[in-house]
Amino acid sequence: MTADADSATQPFVTQASGLSPSLTCLFSVTCALAVANVYFAQPLLDSMAQSLGVDSSMIGFVVTATQVGYAMGLLFIVPLGDLLNRKGLILTQVLLSAIALAGVGAAQQWLTLLGAMIVVGLLAVMVQVLVAYAAVLATPSQRGQAVGTVTSGIVLGILLARFTSGLIADLAGWRAVYFVSSGLMLTLAAVFWKVLPPAVTPRSRYTYPALIRSLFTLFMTEPVLRIRGLLALLVFAAFSVLWTSMVLPLSAPPLSLSHTAIGLFGLAGVAGALAARRSGRWADQGMGQRVTGISLAILTLSWLPIAFAQTSLIALVCGVVLLDFAVQAVHVTNQSFVFTARPDAQSRMVGAYMCFYSVGSALGAAAATQVYALWGWIAVSLLGASISATALALWFFTWRFSMIDQGFARNLGIGQHALITKAIPNSSERNDRP
């Protein structure tokens, strides 16, 4: 960070911690409000299908469209955090999000709704710009904790989205959810303009086309990104399988729960927010691999109580708690590994990583509603459990191979530090790489 950047953020950055509690809180709240836009639709899918005359087996594509837009934003907008002034970039996204959300609320045709949802997802990637910004401002020793704290705001935003969208929909219909959100985004833009500290434009030798090309280069050259990205794809596919399809059996007879009641199930996932904070600290302490393995095992087991959702709501709550805890623990640990791998390209690294997240979420949403329509809730649970077990197997084999490599290096007298240095070049070497 330049001296100008240090002075610009001085009220929010402390010498001891690198990132002050004030700025961390601001980022967390902003992420919560922004990410809610992506998840508002999940408790509302049944109402959307009835309002627009869409078959229930197709309504899951509302979530898929949002995630497609999110993936596009990760590829083409998030990397701009390494090139443009972050404050201006975030403000622009907030204002355009307000327009897109109003478009969703006003949509009368199925294709119009899908198009507006793609734009909503495209602009919601301001969350990742903020996460990368937090990682830049934090000191290396507290980067995991800072990312975990900001990510806990994202988790709370997801929970808020499910509950508030269900409550507002019961009071005023599903369209009101998006009109209210549009107004909140306009308010958020005003708060940003007044409160967000001035940001110095990053000094980059890249043009925008070169920046995008370098993003794809990261996929090919960074093994940490590929492994952690594949884990994210599988984990969030399982996550999306649950939250996209759960509304269908809960809103159907004999349960016939209201939107508000379905949204309340999201509050059971508050364990995910706790996992986000704790797993960031564990990653800082060198326990990232252990946390990943344990969390993936919990994720796989969580589908057993979830399978009894139609007969026991208590079992469903227990499964949701376990699943959200596991998903967020893996997510934060993944980001800690990814940020450490390339400190000089954190916006691009998080954008590349989150592409896997978005693809997984989109595929999980599309598959879940199709499987439910064909074979019912037990089949959905088996699908989620299979995806989770695949993620656990992937972690185990990649972990075992890394342990074998370290043992081979020790036998040659290389030492672990030299092995890591070889796998992850230092910053001076990286600066010469695209």
Protein backbone atom coordinates (compact mmCIF):
# COMPACT_ATOMS: atom_id res chain seq x y z
CA MET A 1 0.00 0.00 0.00
CA THR A 2 1.31 3.48 -0.84
CA ALA A 3 1.91 6.24 1.70
CA ASP A 4 -1.02 8.15 0.21
CA ALA A 5 -3.29 5.18 0.73
CA ASP A 6 -2.14 4.87 4.33
CA SER A 7 -2.94 8.50 5.10
CA ALA A 8 -6.28 8.33 3.32
CA THR A 9 -7.49 5.48 5.50
CA GLN A 10 -5.80 6.63 8.72
CA PRO A 11 -9.04 7.12 10.76
CA PHE A 12 -9.96 3.50 10.07
CA VAL A 13 -6.59 1.73 10.13
CA THR A 14 -4.55 1.22 13.28
CA GLN A 15 -0.88 0.49 13.48
CA ALA A 16 -1.41 -2.52 15.72
CA SER A 17 -4.17 -4.34 13.89
CA GLY A 18 -3.96 -2.99 10.32
CA LEU A 19 -7.75 -2.78 10.02
CA SER A 20 -9.73 -0.94 12.67
CA PRO A 21 -12.99 -2.20 14.18
CA SER A 22 -14.80 0.81 12.66
CA LEU A 23 -13.94 -0.06 9.07
CA THR A 24 -14.42 -3.77 9.67
CA CYS A 25 -17.93 -3.11 10.97
CA LEU A 26 -18.72 -0.86 8.00
CA PHE A 27 -17.59 -3.51 5.54
CA SER A 28 -19.56 -6.22 7.36
CA VAL A 29 -22.81 -4.23 7.36
CA THR A 30 -22.38 -3.29 3.70
CA CYS A 31 -21.75 -6.90 2.71
CA ALA A 32 -24.84 -8.00 4.63
CA LEU A 33 -27.07 -5.51 2.81
CA ALA A 34 -25.57 -6.26 -0.60
CA VAL A 35 -25.55 -10.05 -0.46
CA ALA A 36 -29.19 -10.12 0.65
CA ASN A 37 -30.17 -9.17 -2.91
CA VAL A 38 -28.85 -12.49 -4.19
CA TYR A 39 -30.87 -14.56 -1.71
CA PHE A 40 -34.19 -12.73 -1.47
CA ALA A 41 -35.76 -15.05 -4.04
CA GLN A 42 -35.22 -18.36 -2.24
CA PRO A 43 -38.30 -18.24 0.06
CA LEU A 44 -40.36 -16.59 -2.71
CA LEU A 45 -39.98 -19.11 -5.53
CA ASP A 46 -43.42 -20.61 -5.09
CA SER A 47 -45.11 -17.18 -5.18
CA MET A 48 -43.07 -16.13 -8.21
CA ALA A 49 -44.09 -19.29 -10.06
CA GLN A 50 -47.78 -18.68 -9.36
CA SER A 51 -47.60 -14.97 -10.19
CA LEU A 52 -45.89 -15.46 -13.57
CA GLY A 53 -47.51 -18.80 -14.47
CA VAL A 54 -44.24 -20.73 -14.44
CA ASP A 55 -43.98 -24.46 -13.71
CA SER A 56 -42.42 -25.25 -10.32
CA SER A 57 -39.73 -27.38 -11.97
CA MET A 58 -38.48 -24.28 -13.83
CA ILE A 59 -38.65 -21.65 -11.09
CA GLY A 60 -35.23 -22.67 -9.75
CA PHE A 61 -33.74 -20.93 -12.77
CA VAL A 62 -34.44 -17.61 -11.00
CA VAL A 63 -31.63 -18.52 -8.61
CA THR A 64 -29.54 -19.86 -11.49
CA ALA A 65 -29.93 -16.59 -13.42
CA THR A 66 -28.77 -14.60 -10.39
CA GLN A 67 -25.71 -16.81 -10.01
CA VAL A 68 -24.92 -16.55 -13.73
CA GLY A 69 -24.91 -12.78 -13.36
CA TYR A 70 -22.78 -13.10 -10.25
CA ALA A 71 -20.23 -15.21 -12.13
CA MET A 72 -20.08 -12.60 -14.90
CA GLY A 73 -19.51 -9.89 -12.32
CA LEU A 74 -16.72 -11.90 -10.72
CA LEU A 75 -14.97 -12.22 -14.06
CA PHE A 76 -15.45 -8.70 -15.40
CA ILE A 77 -16.12 -6.37 -12.43
CA VAL A 78 -14.24 -7.67 -9.36
CA PRO A 79 -10.81 -7.51 -11.09
CA LEU A 80 -11.38 -3.77 -11.49
CA GLY A 81 -10.58 -3.51 -7.77
CA ASP A 82 -6.92 -3.92 -8.80
CA LEU A 83 -7.25 -1.14 -11.39
CA LEU A 84 -9.84 1.50 -10.38
CA ASN A 85 -10.65 3.58 -7.33
CA ARG A 86 -12.54 1.18 -5.06
CA LYS A 87 -14.84 3.81 -3.56
CA GLY A 88 -16.07 4.93 -6.98
CA LEU A 89 -16.43 1.32 -8.14
CA ILE A 90 -18.56 0.39 -5.13
CA LEU A 91 -20.74 3.51 -5.36
CA THR A 92 -21.47 2.82 -9.03
CA GLN A 93 -22.48 -0.76 -8.27
CA VAL A 94 -24.78 0.31 -5.45
CA LEU A 95 -26.64 2.85 -7.61
CA LEU A 96 -27.05 0.47 -10.55
CA SER A 97 -28.23 -2.26 -8.15
CA ALA A 98 -31.07 -0.01 -7.03
CA ILE A 99 -32.24 0.28 -10.66
CA ALA A 100 -31.95 -3.47 -11.31
CA LEU A 101 -33.91 -4.35 -8.15
CA ALA A 102 -36.72 -2.02 -9.17
CA GLY A 103 -36.73 -3.83 -12.52
CA VAL A 104 -37.20 -7.19 -10.80
CA GLY A 105 -40.14 -5.86 -8.80
CA ALA A 106 -41.79 -4.48 -11.94
CA ALA A 107 -41.20 -7.56 -14.15
CA GLN A 108 -44.39 -9.00 -15.70
CA GLN A 109 -42.80 -11.57 -18.04
CA TRP A 110 -40.69 -14.63 -17.22
CA LEU A 111 -37.78 -13.65 -19.46
CA THR A 112 -37.84 -10.08 -18.17
CA LEU A 113 -37.56 -11.38 -14.62
CA LEU A 114 -34.64 -13.63 -15.53
CA GLY A 115 -32.84 -10.77 -17.28
CA ALA A 116 -33.29 -8.43 -14.32
CA MET A 117 -32.07 -11.14 -11.93
CA ILE A 118 -28.91 -11.59 -14.02
CA VAL A 119 -28.18 -7.86 -13.60
CA VAL A 120 -28.86 -8.04 -9.85
CA GLY A 121 -26.31 -10.85 -9.56
CA LEU A 122 -23.84 -9.00 -11.79
CA LEU A 123 -23.81 -5.98 -9.48
CA ALA A 124 -23.91 -7.86 -6.18
CA VAL A 125 -20.20 -8.67 -6.56
CA MET A 126 -19.47 -5.43 -4.69
CA VAL A 127 -19.29 -7.83 -1.74
CA GLN A 128 -16.10 -9.37 -3.13
CA VAL A 129 -14.58 -5.95 -3.82
CA LEU A 130 -15.10 -5.18 -0.14
CA VAL A 131 -13.67 -8.53 1.02
CA ALA A 132 -10.54 -8.00 -1.09
CA TYR A 133 -10.26 -4.42 0.21
CA ALA A 134 -10.42 -5.70 3.79
CA ALA A 135 -7.66 -8.22 3.02
CA VAL A 136 -5.49 -5.43 1.58
CA LEU A 137 -5.87 -3.21 4.65
CA ALA A 138 -5.37 -5.99 7.22
CA THR A 139 -1.94 -7.07 8.41
CA PRO A 140 -0.83 -10.56 7.30
CA SER A 141 -1.16 -11.95 10.84
CA GLN A 142 -4.83 -10.89 11.04
CA ARG A 143 -5.90 -11.26 7.43
CA GLY A 144 -7.83 -14.46 8.13
CA GLN A 145 -9.64 -12.89 11.07
CA ALA A 146 -10.50 -9.76 9.05
CA VAL A 147 -11.84 -11.83 6.15
CA GLY A 148 -13.75 -14.00 8.62
CA THR A 149 -15.36 -10.99 10.31
CA VAL A 150 -16.44 -9.43 7.01
CA THR A 151 -17.68 -12.82 5.81
CA SER A 152 -19.75 -13.16 8.98
CA GLY A 153 -21.59 -10.04 7.78
CA ILE A 154 -22.24 -11.84 4.50
CA VAL A 155 -23.70 -14.81 6.38
CA LEU A 156 -25.94 -12.56 8.45
CA GLY A 157 -27.06 -10.86 5.24
CA ILE A 158 -28.10 -14.21 3.81
CA LEU A 159 -30.07 -14.98 6.97
CA LEU A 160 -31.64 -11.51 6.92
CA ALA A 161 -32.62 -11.96 3.28
CA ARG A 162 -34.53 -15.18 3.88
CA PHE A 163 -36.43 -13.92 6.91
CA THR A 164 -37.22 -10.37 5.77
CA SER A 165 -38.19 -11.38 2.23
CA GLY A 166 -40.66 -13.91 3.62
CA LEU A 167 -42.07 -11.39 6.08
CA ILE A 168 -42.47 -8.60 3.49
CA ALA A 169 -43.97 -11.03 0.97
CA ASP A 170 -46.62 -12.13 3.45
CA LEU A 171 -47.52 -8.49 4.11
CA ALA A 172 -47.32 -6.97 0.63
CA GLY A 173 -46.39 -9.62 -1.95
CA TRP A 174 -43.07 -10.75 -3.39
CA ARG A 175 -42.65 -7.69 -5.62
CA ALA A 176 -42.56 -5.40 -2.58
CA VAL A 177 -39.39 -7.19 -1.42
CA TYR A 178 -37.45 -5.86 -4.39
CA PHE A 179 -38.92 -2.36 -4.28
CA VAL A 180 -37.95 -2.06 -0.61
CA SER A 181 -34.47 -3.35 -1.38
CA SER A 182 -34.10 -0.81 -4.18
CA GLY A 183 -34.83 2.00 -1.73
CA LEU A 184 -32.34 0.58 0.77
CA MET A 185 -29.62 0.49 -1.87
CA LEU A 186 -30.20 4.18 -2.65
CA THR A 187 -29.86 4.92 1.06
CA LEU A 188 -26.70 2.85 1.19
CA ALA A 189 -25.22 4.89 -1.66
CA ALA A 190 -25.70 8.08 0.36
CA VAL A 191 -24.05 6.48 3.41
CA PHE A 192 -21.09 5.36 1.33
CA TRP A 193 -20.64 8.81 -0.11
CA LYS A 194 -20.39 10.31 3.36
CA VAL A 195 -18.70 7.58 5.39
CA LEU A 196 -16.43 5.43 3.21
CA PRO A 197 -12.86 6.75 3.46
CA PRO A 198 -11.27 8.10 0.27
CA ALA A 199 -9.49 5.38 -1.66
CA VAL A 200 -6.39 5.84 -3.78
CA THR A 201 -6.61 4.34 -7.26
CA PRO A 202 -4.37 1.23 -7.33
CA ARG A 203 -1.19 1.66 -9.34
CA SER A 204 -1.34 -1.15 -11.88
CA ARG A 205 0.71 -1.75 -15.00
CA TYR A 206 -2.26 -3.62 -16.51
CA THR A 207 -4.79 -2.38 -19.00
CA TYR A 208 -8.32 -3.74 -18.49
CA PRO A 209 -8.01 -6.43 -21.23
CA ALA A 210 -4.66 -7.51 -19.77
CA LEU A 211 -6.21 -7.59 -16.31
CA ILE A 212 -8.96 -9.93 -17.49
CA ARG A 213 -6.43 -12.14 -19.27
CA SER A 214 -4.35 -12.32 -16.11
CA LEU A 215 -7.46 -13.51 -14.26
CA PHE A 216 -7.69 -16.54 -16.54
CA THR A 217 -3.94 -17.06 -16.14
CA LEU A 218 -4.48 -17.47 -12.42
CA PHE A 219 -6.71 -20.47 -13.08
CA MET A 220 -3.84 -22.16 -14.90
CA THR A 221 -0.88 -21.19 -12.69
CA GLU A 222 -2.19 -21.32 -9.12
CA PRO A 223 -2.81 -24.85 -7.76
CA VAL A 224 -4.19 -23.44 -4.50
CA LEU A 225 -6.84 -21.57 -6.48
CA ARG A 226 -7.81 -24.67 -8.45
CA ILE A 227 -8.11 -26.96 -5.43
CA ARG A 228 -9.88 -24.47 -3.19
CA GLY A 229 -12.05 -23.37 -6.09
CA LEU A 230 -13.23 -26.91 -6.79
CA LEU A 231 -14.03 -27.35 -3.10
CA ALA A 232 -16.05 -24.13 -3.23
CA LEU A 233 -17.93 -25.33 -6.32
CA LEU A 234 -18.99 -28.55 -4.61
CA VAL A 235 -19.72 -27.00 -1.21
CA PHE A 236 -21.93 -24.26 -2.60
CA ALA A 237 -23.66 -26.64 -4.98
CA ALA A 238 -24.72 -28.60 -1.89
CA PHE A 239 -25.68 -25.36 -0.14
CA SER A 240 -27.82 -24.29 -3.10
CA VAL A 241 -29.46 -27.71 -3.36
CA LEU A 242 -30.88 -27.24 0.14
CA TRP A 243 -31.91 -23.60 0.08
CA THR A 244 -33.36 -23.56 -3.44
CA SER A 245 -35.57 -26.65 -3.07
CA MET A 246 -36.46 -26.45 0.64
CA VAL A 247 -39.25 -23.94 0.02
CA LEU A 248 -41.13 -26.44 -2.18
CA PRO A 249 -41.93 -29.17 0.38
CA LEU A 250 -42.35 -26.65 3.21
CA SER A 251 -44.93 -24.58 1.30
CA ALA A 252 -46.83 -27.66 0.02
CA PRO A 253 -49.40 -29.71 2.00
CA PRO A 254 -49.40 -31.04 4.64
CA LEU A 255 -46.97 -28.44 6.07
CA SER A 256 -48.17 -25.40 4.01
CA LEU A 257 -45.89 -22.97 5.86
CA SER A 258 -46.06 -19.23 5.19
CA HIS A 259 -43.22 -17.24 3.64
CA THR A 260 -42.36 -15.83 7.05
CA ALA A 261 -42.19 -19.28 8.64
CA ILE A 262 -39.97 -20.58 5.85
CA GLY A 263 -37.74 -17.54 6.19
CA LEU A 264 -37.33 -18.26 9.88
CA PHE A 265 -35.45 -21.44 9.00
CA GLY A 266 -32.68 -19.18 7.77
CA LEU A 267 -32.10 -18.01 11.34
CA ALA A 268 -31.06 -21.55 12.22
CA GLY A 269 -28.05 -20.88 10.03
CA VAL A 270 -26.69 -18.26 12.45
CA ALA A 271 -24.14 -20.94 13.29
CA GLY A 272 -22.63 -20.14 9.92
CA ALA A 273 -21.81 -16.61 11.07
CA LEU A 274 -20.07 -18.01 14.15
CA ALA A 275 -18.13 -20.44 11.96
CA ALA A 276 -16.97 -17.61 9.71
CA ARG A 277 -15.37 -15.71 12.60
CA ARG A 278 -13.81 -18.74 14.29
CA SER A 279 -12.51 -20.46 11.17
CA GLY A 280 -10.69 -17.28 10.12
CA ARG A 281 -8.77 -17.34 13.41
CA TRP A 282 -8.06 -21.06 13.07
CA ALA A 283 -6.67 -20.46 9.59
CA ASP A 284 -4.37 -17.75 10.99
CA GLN A 285 -3.12 -20.36 13.49
CA GLY A 286 -2.20 -22.83 10.75
CA MET A 287 -5.15 -25.19 11.20
CA GLY A 288 -6.83 -24.54 7.85
CA GLN A 289 -6.49 -28.07 6.46
CA ARG A 290 -7.85 -29.64 9.65
CA VAL A 291 -10.81 -27.24 9.71
CA THR A 292 -11.58 -28.03 6.07
CA GLY A 293 -11.63 -31.80 6.59
CA ILE A 294 -13.76 -31.71 9.73
CA SER A 295 -16.20 -29.24 8.17
CA LEU A 296 -16.66 -31.33 5.03
CA ALA A 297 -17.38 -34.40 7.15
CA ILE A 298 -20.02 -32.41 9.07
CA LEU A 299 -21.48 -31.17 5.78
CA THR A 300 -21.91 -34.74 4.51
CA LEU A 301 -23.54 -35.92 7.76
CA SER A 302 -25.90 -32.92 7.86
CA TRP A 303 -27.99 -34.41 5.06
CA LEU A 304 -29.20 -37.25 7.28
CA PRO A 305 -31.46 -35.07 9.47
CA ILE A 306 -32.31 -32.88 6.47
CA ALA A 307 -33.80 -35.95 4.74
CA PHE A 308 -36.55 -36.02 7.42
CA ALA A 309 -37.71 -32.46 6.64
CA GLN A 310 -41.23 -33.50 5.65
CA THR A 311 -41.82 -35.39 8.89
CA SER A 312 -39.73 -33.53 11.48
CA LEU A 313 -39.06 -29.80 11.43
CA ILE A 314 -36.72 -30.21 14.41
CA ALA A 315 -34.56 -32.59 12.36
CA LEU A 316 -34.53 -30.06 9.52
CA VAL A 317 -33.37 -27.28 11.88
CA CYS A 318 -30.55 -29.49 13.17
CA GLY A 319 -29.47 -30.28 9.62
CA VAL A 320 -29.55 -26.61 8.58
CA VAL A 321 -27.37 -25.63 11.56
CA LEU A 322 -24.79 -28.27 10.70
CA LEU A 323 -24.82 -27.49 6.98
CA ASP A 324 -24.48 -23.70 7.34
CA PHE A 325 -21.72 -24.07 9.93
CA ALA A 326 -19.74 -26.40 7.68
CA VAL A 327 -20.21 -24.38 4.49
CA GLN A 328 -19.10 -21.09 5.99
CA ALA A 329 -16.12 -22.65 7.79
CA VAL A 330 -14.86 -24.12 4.50
CA HIS A 331 -15.56 -20.87 2.64
CA VAL A 332 -13.55 -18.64 4.99
CA THR A 333 -10.69 -21.14 5.18
CA ASN A 334 -10.62 -21.32 1.38
CA GLN A 335 -10.36 -17.55 1.10
CA SER A 336 -7.52 -17.42 3.64
CA PHE A 337 -5.52 -19.89 1.53
CA VAL A 338 -6.33 -18.04 -1.70
CA PHE A 339 -5.39 -14.59 -0.37
CA THR A 340 -2.10 -15.92 1.01
CA ALA A 341 -1.18 -17.54 -2.31
CA ARG A 342 -1.14 -14.24 -4.26
CA PRO A 343 -1.01 -11.13 -2.03
CA ASP A 344 -0.24 -8.99 -5.08
CA ALA A 345 -3.48 -9.91 -6.89
CA GLN A 346 -6.11 -10.27 -4.20
CA SER A 347 -9.05 -8.77 -6.11
CA ARG A 348 -8.39 -11.06 -9.05
CA MET A 349 -7.80 -14.07 -6.83
CA VAL A 350 -11.08 -13.60 -4.96
CA GLY A 351 -12.88 -12.99 -8.25
CA ALA A 352 -11.47 -16.18 -9.73
CA TYR A 353 -12.24 -18.17 -6.58
CA MET A 354 -15.80 -16.89 -6.34
CA CYS A 355 -16.45 -17.92 -9.94
CA PHE A 356 -16.30 -21.51 -8.69
CA TYR A 357 -18.71 -20.56 -5.90
CA SER A 358 -21.15 -19.03 -8.36
CA VAL A 359 -21.01 -21.93 -10.82
CA GLY A 360 -21.63 -24.38 -7.99
CA SER A 361 -24.58 -22.37 -6.69
CA ALA A 362 -26.10 -22.12 -10.17
CA LEU A 363 -25.74 -25.84 -10.90
CA GLY A 364 -27.09 -26.81 -7.48
CA ALA A 365 -30.15 -24.58 -7.89
CA ALA A 366 -30.99 -25.90 -11.36
CA ALA A 367 -30.52 -29.54 -10.34
CA ALA A 368 -32.42 -29.30 -7.05
CA THR A 369 -35.80 -28.22 -8.42
CA GLN A 370 -35.57 -30.69 -11.29
CA VAL A 371 -34.75 -33.59 -8.94
CA TYR A 372 -37.53 -32.59 -6.54
CA ALA A 373 -40.10 -32.45 -9.35
CA LEU A 374 -39.10 -35.90 -10.59
CA TRP A 375 -38.34 -37.90 -7.43
CA GLY A 376 -39.15 -35.86 -4.32
CA TRP A 377 -37.33 -34.68 -1.20
CA ILE A 378 -35.41 -37.89 -0.40
CA ALA A 379 -33.79 -37.73 -3.83
CA VAL A 380 -32.83 -34.09 -3.19
CA SER A 381 -31.20 -35.11 0.10
CA LEU A 382 -29.27 -37.90 -1.62
CA LEU A 383 -28.10 -35.42 -4.25
CA GLY A 384 -26.82 -33.02 -1.59
CA ALA A 385 -25.13 -35.80 0.36
CA SER A 386 -23.41 -37.11 -2.78
CA ILE A 387 -22.04 -33.68 -3.66
CA SER A 388 -20.82 -33.19 -0.09
CA ALA A 389 -19.12 -36.60 0.00
CA THR A 390 -17.39 -35.80 -3.30
CA ALA A 391 -15.99 -32.60 -1.75
CA LEU A 392 -14.73 -34.57 1.26
CA ALA A 393 -13.03 -37.11 -1.01
CA LEU A 394 -11.41 -34.32 -3.06
CA TRP A 395 -10.03 -32.70 0.10
CA PHE A 396 -8.71 -36.02 1.42
CA PHE A 397 -6.84 -36.96 -1.74
CA THR A 398 -5.34 -33.49 -2.30
CA TRP A 399 -4.33 -33.34 1.37
CA ARG A 400 -2.72 -36.78 1.20
CA PHE A 401 -0.79 -35.85 -1.93
CA SER A 402 0.47 -32.65 -0.27
CA MET A 403 1.60 -34.68 2.78
CA ILE A 404 3.42 -37.14 0.50
CA ASP A 405 5.14 -34.24 -1.27
CA GLN A 406 6.25 -32.77 2.06
CA GLY A 407 7.59 -36.16 3.20
CA PHE A 408 9.48 -36.56 -0.07
CA ALA A 409 10.97 -33.10 0.37
CA ARG A 410 12.10 -33.89 3.92
CA ASN A 411 13.78 -37.08 2.72
CA LEU A 412 15.72 -34.99 0.22
CA GLY A 413 16.66 -32.54 2.98
CA ILE A 414 14.75 -29.64 1.43
CA GLY A 415 12.62 -28.65 4.42
CA GLN A 416 9.06 -27.46 4.57
CA HIS A 417 9.84 -23.75 4.19
CA ALA A 418 11.77 -24.35 0.98
CA LEU A 419 8.93 -26.54 -0.33
CA ILE A 420 6.36 -23.82 0.35
CA THR A 421 8.65 -21.20 -1.20
CA LYS A 422 8.93 -23.35 -4.30
CA ALA A 423 5.14 -23.83 -4.50
CA ILE A 424 4.32 -20.19 -3.74
CA PRO A 425 6.98 -17.79 -5.06
CA ASN A 426 7.69 -14.67 -3.08
CA SER A 427 6.17 -11.32 -3.93
CA SER A 428 9.23 -10.04 -5.77
CA GLU A 429 9.09 -13.03 -8.10
CA ARG A 430 5.33 -12.68 -8.54
CA ASN A 431 5.54 -9.08 -9.66
CA ASP A 432 7.17 -10.27 -12.85
CA ARG A 433 4.35 -12.66 -13.56
CA PRO A 434 1.17 -11.76 -15.48
